[in-house]
Protein backbone atom coordinates (compact mmCIF):
# COMPACT_ATOMS: atom_id res chain seq x y z
CA UNK A 1 -0.36 -0.12 -0.25
CA UNK A 2 1.01 3.59 -1.04
CA UNK A 3 2.75 5.47 1.93
CA UNK A 4 1.58 9.39 2.61
CA UNK A 5 3.59 10.96 5.02
CA UNK A 6 2.84 14.76 6.52
CA UNK A 7 4.67 16.78 8.76
CA UNK A 8 3.21 18.76 10.90
CA UNK A 9 2.55 19.05 14.41
CA UNK A 10 -1.40 19.57 15.46
CA UNK A 11 -2.38 16.81 16.75
CA UNK A 12 -5.47 17.08 16.51
CA UNK A 13 -5.76 17.67 12.30
CA UNK A 14 -3.66 14.90 12.06
CA UNK A 15 -6.01 12.06 14.06
CA UNK A 16 -9.11 13.97 11.94
CA UNK A 17 -6.75 13.25 9.30
CA UNK A 18 -5.81 9.86 10.49
CA UNK A 19 -9.54 8.49 10.89
CA UNK A 20 -10.99 9.76 7.23
CA UNK A 21 -7.90 7.66 5.45
CA UNK A 22 -8.45 4.94 7.19
CA UNK A 23 -12.31 4.74 6.38
CA UNK A 24 -10.97 4.21 2.13
CA UNK A 25 -8.35 2.35 3.14
CA UNK A 26 -6.80 3.81 0.14
CA UNK A 27 -2.85 4.51 1.42
CA UNK A 28 -1.27 4.65 4.80
CA UNK A 29 -0.64 8.22 6.45
CA UNK A 30 2.51 8.16 8.45
CA UNK A 31 3.09 11.08 10.93
CA UNK A 32 6.25 13.60 11.88
CA UNK A 33 5.74 16.33 14.41
CA UNK A 34 8.42 18.52 12.49
CA UNK A 35 11.31 17.79 9.88
CA UNK A 36 13.73 15.90 11.41
CA UNK A 37 11.08 13.13 12.15
CA UNK A 38 10.27 13.39 8.92
CA UNK A 39 13.64 12.84 7.64
CA UNK A 40 14.20 10.41 9.56
CA UNK A 41 10.94 8.32 8.29
CA UNK A 42 11.77 9.21 4.99
CA UNK A 43 15.32 8.18 4.66
CA UNK A 44 13.91 4.78 6.08
CA UNK A 45 10.89 4.13 4.43
CA UNK A 46 10.24 4.67 0.90
CA UNK A 47 7.01 7.31 0.21
CA UNK A 48 4.98 8.25 -2.53
CA UNK A 49 3.75 11.72 -1.33
CA UNK A 50 5.02 14.23 1.05
CA UNK A 51 3.14 17.06 2.14
CA UNK A 52 4.06 19.68 4.98
CA UNK A 53 3.42 22.32 6.54
CA UNK A 54 5.37 25.39 5.62
CA UNK A 55 6.14 26.13 8.64
CA UNK A 56 7.13 23.23 9.82
CA UNK A 57 10.12 22.73 13.40
CA UNK A 58 13.35 22.16 13.63
CA UNK A 59 13.65 21.42 9.21
CA UNK A 60 12.11 24.12 7.15
CA UNK A 61 9.21 23.31 4.70
CA UNK A 62 12.05 24.77 2.04
CA UNK A 63 15.15 21.89 3.54
CA UNK A 64 12.52 19.27 3.21
CA UNK A 65 11.78 19.78 -0.40
CA UNK A 66 15.28 20.29 -1.18
CA UNK A 67 16.01 16.81 0.46
CA UNK A 68 13.42 15.13 -1.09
CA UNK A 69 14.11 16.89 -4.67
CA UNK A 70 17.98 15.37 -3.96
CA UNK A 71 16.81 11.36 -2.57
CA UNK A 72 13.54 10.97 -3.54
CA UNK A 73 13.36 12.49 -6.97
CA UNK A 74 9.51 12.30 -8.17
CA UNK A 75 7.28 12.07 -5.84
CA UNK A 76 4.34 14.84 -5.83
CA UNK A 77 4.60 17.64 -2.29
CA UNK A 78 2.06 19.65 -1.12
CA UNK A 79 2.24 23.05 1.20
CA UNK A 80 0.03 23.83 3.36
CA UNK A 81 0.21 27.63 4.63
CA UNK A 82 -1.43 29.84 6.46
CA UNK A 83 0.58 32.78 4.62
CA UNK A 84 -1.90 32.44 1.72
CA UNK A 85 -0.74 30.18 -1.17
CA UNK A 86 0.29 31.49 -4.91
CA UNK A 87 -2.35 31.48 -7.45
CA UNK A 88 -1.45 31.11 -11.41
CA UNK A 89 -2.55 32.64 -14.52
CA UNK A 90 -1.79 29.52 -16.24
CA UNK A 91 -1.68 26.10 -15.71
CA UNK A 92 1.72 24.21 -14.16
CA UNK A 93 3.37 22.47 -16.09
CA UNK A 94 2.04 18.56 -17.59
CA UNK A 95 5.55 17.16 -15.16
CA UNK A 96 4.80 19.75 -12.26
CA UNK A 97 4.18 17.54 -8.86
CA UNK A 98 4.57 20.59 -6.04
CA UNK A 99 1.02 22.00 -5.66
CA UNK A 100 -0.01 24.00 -2.95
CA UNK A 101 -2.61 24.14 -0.13
CA UNK A 102 -4.25 26.70 2.71
CA UNK A 103 -4.91 26.57 5.88
CA UNK A 104 -6.72 25.87 7.60
CA UNK A 105 -7.30 22.17 5.04
CA UNK A 106 -10.64 20.64 5.08
CA UNK A 107 -9.84 17.41 5.85
CA UNK A 108 -11.83 16.43 2.76
CA UNK A 109 -9.77 17.91 0.88
CA UNK A 110 -6.49 17.11 1.24
CA UNK A 111 -7.52 13.70 1.25
CA UNK A 112 -8.75 14.31 -2.49
CA UNK A 113 -5.57 16.19 -3.27
CA UNK A 114 -3.01 13.02 -1.73
CA UNK A 115 -6.06 10.10 -3.56
CA UNK A 116 -4.94 13.10 -7.08
CA UNK A 117 -1.44 12.99 -6.59
CA UNK A 118 -1.17 9.32 -6.50
CA UNK A 119 -3.38 8.37 -9.40
CA UNK A 120 -0.67 11.75 -11.40
CA UNK A 121 2.04 8.91 -9.96
CA UNK A 122 0.27 5.72 -10.87
CA UNK A 123 -0.80 7.11 -14.57
CA UNK A 124 2.45 7.19 -16.00
CA UNK A 125 5.99 6.36 -15.84
CA UNK A 126 7.33 9.74 -17.58
CA UNK A 127 9.74 11.19 -15.21
CA UNK A 128 8.51 14.02 -12.83
CA UNK A 129 9.86 16.99 -10.63
CA UNK A 130 10.02 19.87 -8.67
CA UNK A 131 9.63 23.23 -10.69
CA UNK A 132 10.99 26.47 -9.38
CA UNK A 133 7.92 27.89 -10.87
CA UNK A 134 6.00 25.95 -8.49
CA UNK A 135 8.86 26.75 -5.82
CA UNK A 136 9.48 30.04 -6.20
CA UNK A 137 6.58 31.47 -4.56
CA UNK A 138 7.05 30.17 -1.10
CA UNK A 139 10.89 31.65 -0.87
CA UNK A 140 9.09 35.75 -0.98
CA UNK A 141 6.10 33.96 1.39
CA UNK A 142 8.82 32.77 3.91
CA UNK A 143 10.78 35.76 3.42
CA UNK A 144 13.94 34.39 2.85
CA UNK A 145 17.60 35.07 2.27
CA UNK A 146 19.58 32.21 0.74
CA UNK A 147 21.79 31.70 -1.63
CA UNK A 148 19.79 28.73 -3.74
CA UNK A 149 21.30 26.11 -5.68
CA UNK A 150 19.42 25.05 -8.89
CA UNK A 151 21.04 21.44 -10.87
CA UNK A 152 19.39 19.70 -13.85
CA UNK A 153 20.37 16.75 -15.74
CA UNK A 154 23.79 16.96 -18.44
CA UNK A 155 25.79 18.55 -15.36
CA UNK A 156 23.69 22.21 -15.42
CA UNK A 157 24.20 23.99 -12.35
CA UNK A 158 22.62 28.20 -11.91
CA UNK A 159 22.97 29.90 -8.36
CA UNK A 160 19.52 32.06 -7.98
CA UNK A 161 20.52 35.49 -4.69
CA UNK A 162 17.87 36.54 -2.41
CA UNK A 163 17.04 39.03 -0.17
CA UNK A 164 14.37 38.47 2.08
CA UNK A 165 12.01 36.33 -0.44
CA UNK A 166 13.31 38.83 -3.17
CA UNK A 167 15.38 37.61 -6.33
CA UNK A 168 18.74 40.24 -6.39
CA UNK A 169 21.48 38.06 -8.96
CA UNK A 170 21.13 35.29 -10.56
CA UNK A 171 24.70 33.28 -12.08
CA UNK A 172 24.89 30.68 -14.98
CA UNK A 173 27.45 30.44 -17.40
CA UNK A 174 27.78 33.65 -18.90
CA UNK A 175 24.59 34.89 -19.47
CA UNK A 176 22.53 38.32 -17.97
CA UNK A 177 21.45 37.60 -14.42
CA UNK A 178 17.37 38.30 -16.03
CA UNK A 179 18.62 35.61 -18.88
CA UNK A 180 19.77 33.27 -16.33
CA UNK A 181 16.36 33.48 -14.99
CA UNK A 182 14.23 32.88 -18.81
CA UNK A 183 16.90 29.80 -18.48
CA UNK A 184 16.77 27.70 -15.76
CA UNK A 185 12.52 28.43 -15.55
CA UNK A 186 12.29 25.83 -18.39
CA UNK A 187 15.16 23.11 -16.82
CA UNK A 188 13.36 19.78 -16.46
CA UNK A 189 14.33 17.30 -13.47
CA UNK A 190 15.71 19.33 -10.93
CA UNK A 191 16.75 19.48 -7.34
CA UNK A 192 18.03 21.67 -5.66
CA UNK A 193 19.55 23.07 -2.27
CA UNK A 194 19.97 25.95 -0.33
CA UNK A 195 22.50 27.57 1.93
CA UNK A 196 23.54 30.76 3.49
CA UNK A 197 24.27 34.09 1.54
CA UNK A 198 28.05 34.98 0.85
CA UNK A 199 29.12 37.84 3.34
CA UNK A 200 30.13 39.37 0.17
CA UNK A 201 26.65 39.85 -1.31
CA UNK A 202 27.99 41.15 -4.72
CA UNK A 203 25.58 44.64 -6.73
CA UNK A 204 21.88 44.04 -6.81
CA UNK A 205 21.25 42.84 -10.44
CA UNK A 206 17.63 42.42 -10.61
CA UNK A 207 14.80 43.95 -9.82
CA UNK A 208 12.18 41.59 -10.11
CA UNK A 209 9.06 40.00 -8.06
CA UNK A 210 8.65 36.75 -7.78
CA UNK A 211 5.17 36.00 -8.80
CA UNK A 212 6.03 38.79 -12.18
CA UNK A 213 8.37 35.97 -13.00
CA UNK A 214 5.90 32.86 -12.61
CA UNK A 215 3.25 34.81 -13.92
CA UNK A 216 1.42 33.99 -10.26
CA UNK A 217 -0.91 36.37 -7.35
CA UNK A 218 -1.59 36.08 -4.66
CA UNK A 219 -4.59 37.16 -5.03
CA UNK A 220 -7.04 34.32 -5.97
CA UNK A 221 -9.52 36.94 -7.43
CA UNK A 222 -7.30 38.27 -10.30
CA UNK A 223 -6.89 35.01 -11.28
CA UNK A 224 -10.49 33.87 -11.27
CA UNK A 225 -12.00 37.55 -13.11
CA UNK A 226 -9.01 38.11 -15.29
CA UNK A 227 -9.15 37.02 -18.51
CA UNK A 228 -5.08 35.05 -18.34
CA UNK A 229 -7.13 31.51 -16.93
CA UNK A 230 -7.97 28.86 -20.29
CA UNK A 231 -11.93 27.53 -20.18
CA UNK A 232 -11.68 23.99 -18.70
CA UNK A 233 -11.75 21.07 -20.33
CA UNK A 234 -14.68 18.32 -19.55
CA UNK A 235 -12.72 15.76 -21.31
CA UNK A 236 -9.46 15.92 -20.30
CA UNK A 237 -10.06 15.69 -16.19
CA UNK A 238 -11.71 11.85 -17.44
CA UNK A 239 -9.11 9.71 -16.31
CA UNK A 240 -7.92 11.27 -13.17
CA UNK A 241 -10.99 10.72 -11.96
CA UNK A 242 -11.82 7.10 -13.68
CA UNK A 243 -8.47 6.12 -11.59
CA UNK A 244 -10.18 7.43 -8.12
CA UNK A 245 -13.27 5.95 -8.84
CA UNK A 246 -11.86 2.81 -9.64
CA UNK A 247 -10.12 2.70 -6.55
CA UNK A 248 -12.57 3.68 -4.65
CA UNK A 249 -15.98 1.55 -5.56
CA UNK A 250 -12.59 -1.28 -5.25
CA UNK A 251 -12.69 -0.86 -1.65
CA UNK A 252 -16.00 -0.83 -0.83
CA UNK A 253 -17.25 -3.51 -2.91
CA UNK A 254 -17.06 -5.91 0.04
CA UNK A 255 -20.14 -4.59 1.21
CA UNK A 256 -22.20 -4.84 -2.07
CA UNK A 257 -21.38 -8.48 -2.80
CA UNK A 258 -22.64 -9.00 0.57
CA UNK A 259 -26.24 -7.21 -0.05
CA UNK A 260 -28.11 -9.92 -0.87
CA UNK A 261 -29.71 -10.72 -4.63
CA UNK A 262 -26.80 -8.67 -5.51
CA UNK A 263 -25.91 -8.42 -9.97
CA UNK A 264 -24.11 -5.03 -9.78
CA UNK A 265 -22.63 -1.27 -9.40
CA UNK A 266 -22.14 1.09 -12.18
CA UNK A 267 -20.35 4.34 -11.49
CA UNK A 268 -21.21 6.43 -14.42
CA UNK A 269 -19.75 10.75 -15.45
CA UNK A 270 -22.73 13.13 -16.05
CA UNK A 271 -21.67 12.90 -19.87
CA UNK A 272 -22.35 8.99 -19.46
CA UNK A 273 -19.02 7.95 -19.55
CA UNK A 274 -18.06 4.72 -17.49
CA UNK A 275 -16.00 5.54 -14.75
CA UNK A 276 -16.04 2.26 -13.01
CA UNK A 277 -18.35 -1.45 -12.51
CA UNK A 278 -19.19 -4.69 -11.29
CA UNK A 279 -20.93 -7.75 -12.19
CA UNK A 280 -22.35 -5.56 -14.76
CA UNK A 281 -21.69 -7.89 -17.88
CA UNK A 282 -21.13 -4.85 -20.01
CA UNK A 283 -21.67 -7.61 -23.62
CA UNK A 284 -25.26 -8.00 -22.41
CA UNK A 285 -25.98 -4.38 -20.98
CA UNK A 286 -24.93 -0.83 -23.06
CA UNK A 287 -24.06 1.18 -19.12
CA UNK A 288 -24.57 4.82 -21.07
CA UNK A 289 -27.04 4.03 -23.96
CA UNK A 290 -29.27 2.48 -21.12
CA UNK A 291 -28.36 5.43 -18.52
CA UNK A 292 -28.54 8.21 -21.37
CA UNK A 293 -31.79 6.72 -22.40
CA UNK A 294 -33.11 6.58 -18.69
CA UNK A 295 -31.68 10.04 -17.95
CA UNK A 296 -34.71 11.32 -19.72
CA UNK A 297 -36.95 9.62 -17.83
CA UNK A 298 -35.75 10.83 -14.89
CA UNK A 299 -35.63 14.39 -15.71
CA UNK A 300 -39.82 14.15 -17.24
CA UNK A 301 -40.55 12.28 -13.77
CA UNK A 302 -38.24 14.97 -11.57
CA UNK A 303 -40.23 17.90 -13.10
CA UNK A 304 -43.71 16.05 -13.07
CA UNK A 305 -43.09 16.08 -8.76
CA UNK A 306 -41.14 19.28 -8.38
CA UNK A 307 -44.59 20.72 -10.48
CA UNK A 308 -46.90 19.05 -7.93
CA UNK A 309 -45.07 20.61 -5.08
CA UNK A 310 -42.49 17.95 -3.76
CA UNK A 311 -38.96 18.02 -4.19
CA UNK A 312 -36.83 17.56 -6.74
CA UNK A 313 -36.19 13.51 -7.29
CA UNK A 314 -32.55 12.34 -7.10
CA UNK A 315 -33.46 7.72 -7.21
CA UNK A 316 -35.77 6.24 -8.63
CA UNK A 317 -36.20 2.19 -8.01
CA UNK A 318 -37.25 0.30 -11.01
CA UNK A 319 -38.83 -3.32 -10.56
CA UNK A 320 -38.96 -5.43 -13.37
CA UNK A 321 -40.00 -9.68 -13.32
CA UNK A 322 -36.17 -10.39 -13.05
CA UNK A 323 -34.53 -7.84 -11.27
CA UNK A 324 -34.26 -4.40 -9.54
CA UNK A 325 -32.84 -1.41 -10.09
CA UNK A 326 -32.41 1.90 -8.90
CA UNK A 327 -30.03 4.56 -9.76
CA UNK A 328 -29.21 7.49 -7.67
CA UNK A 329 -27.95 11.09 -9.77
CA UNK A 330 -25.91 13.20 -7.86
CA UNK A 331 -26.87 16.39 -9.18
CA UNK A 332 -26.44 18.72 -6.07
CA UNK A 333 -23.22 18.11 -6.83
CA UNK A 334 -22.39 20.80 -9.10
CA UNK A 335 -17.74 20.13 -9.58
CA UNK A 336 -18.90 16.39 -10.70
CA UNK A 337 -22.79 14.79 -10.86
CA UNK A 338 -22.57 11.17 -11.17
CA UNK A 339 -24.93 8.34 -11.84
CA UNK A 340 -24.61 5.41 -9.74
CA UNK A 341 -26.55 2.33 -10.71
CA UNK A 342 -27.25 -0.74 -8.62
CA UNK A 343 -29.05 -4.09 -9.30
CA UNK A 344 -30.29 -6.49 -7.73
CA UNK A 345 -32.68 -9.94 -8.30
CA UNK A 346 -36.44 -9.29 -7.65
CA UNK A 347 -36.04 -11.01 -4.86
CA UNK A 348 -32.53 -9.17 -3.18
CA UNK A 349 -32.21 -6.85 -0.14
CA UNK A 350 -32.29 -4.02 -2.75
CA UNK A 351 -33.12 -1.21 0.72
CA UNK A 352 -29.78 -2.06 1.29
CA UNK A 353 -28.71 -1.39 -1.51
CA UNK A 354 -29.85 1.54 -3.01
CA UNK A 355 -28.56 2.20 1.16
CA UNK A 356 -25.17 1.40 0.28
CA UNK A 357 -25.18 2.98 -2.74
CA UNK A 358 -26.00 6.93 -1.09
CA UNK A 359 -23.21 5.69 1.34
CA UNK A 360 -21.25 5.88 -1.63
CA UNK A 361 -21.98 9.02 -3.18
CA UNK A 362 -21.29 10.56 -0.19
CA UNK A 363 -17.97 9.56 -0.44
CA UNK A 364 -17.20 9.85 -3.42
CA UNK A 365 -18.35 13.65 -2.87
CA UNK A 366 -16.18 13.77 -0.20
CA UNK A 367 -13.14 12.99 -2.28
CA UNK A 368 -13.24 13.62 -5.32
CA UNK A 369 -14.25 17.84 -4.26
CA UNK A 370 -11.62 20.24 -5.79
CA UNK A 371 -8.93 20.63 -3.28
CA UNK A 372 -8.19 24.32 -3.14
CA UNK A 373 -4.63 23.48 -3.95
CA UNK A 374 -4.89 22.25 -7.46
CA UNK A 375 -7.18 24.94 -8.10
CA UNK A 376 -5.88 26.30 -11.68
CA UNK A 377 -8.10 26.28 -14.93
CA UNK A 378 -8.87 22.39 -14.24
CA UNK A 379 -11.56 20.72 -11.92
CA UNK A 380 -8.02 18.72 -11.62
CA UNK A 381 -4.56 19.25 -12.73
CA UNK A 382 -4.82 16.93 -15.17
CA UNK A 383 -1.16 14.65 -16.66
CA UNK A 384 -1.67 13.12 -19.74
């Protein structure tokens, strides 16, 4: 099972997070109260995702990210901050693995972010790395004074100099400072480390705000209302959502198979893409076509019900001579409406299946709720 390491000294928060993780049984959570303990853990135990509070004790978060970039290259990292987070005008590069979230952290959203990170990690063997675009805002946020060594393939190495979080100089070969920054922002698969500024700092040759360099802002409204964001592509998030729903169904499937007369279950998105299923023969029943046609009837019935003073219908049960079919439509989840379909024998415990479908819907929506740290122009950071 994948192991996720989190660095935070808030015991109540970690207890709530641990409880939430135990209910989905998709990864093991390792907790460290400070940076020293975190280093001790990941030096002995392979971890798949690294999460840290920006105010990590004993060893600061930037140093931890540096150690991860050197010793555990390619694992996704999540930084939690109570001081705000960067909002990028353009989606980050496809190989980005560093994400940001604001504190206080909503536990379901953090669990969702971790699951998405695990899914991205499993989706492809493409080599990934933390990028300077995602990392530099943390230096500004912490007001760090340091020299930063950035290394990439081909033995290329550049040096960035910061004073109180402001970049004042850069060196790489014979390039001018401003050209150095443009060059290394393009580098892939980097590692980095921090050291004290040299005593003789030299002349300040740069005066470019970090957030301008990385095309980001600390004000969410500027991104949401600006013209630089790109329109969402609903089709592109299907692979990630499918991966997450498949894992969730797998973790809960035993409960459904114990229902008397159980024949099968399926989960489809709002555009009738099949996300996950069990027990239903797709050769004899074209589920996407079936649900698409039933959705028309579902809508008509719901409209009739509402016209007569009842609330909007969310679930309908159909009794046939051979089966009982239940369709639950999570229309009240605007981020990701879904159809959940359950089928039992006519003498099966269809009412208990209904109960389990409702519980599964709650769990799915808890996990798929859009995490704050991943709110770019798409519901999820899609990596193809």
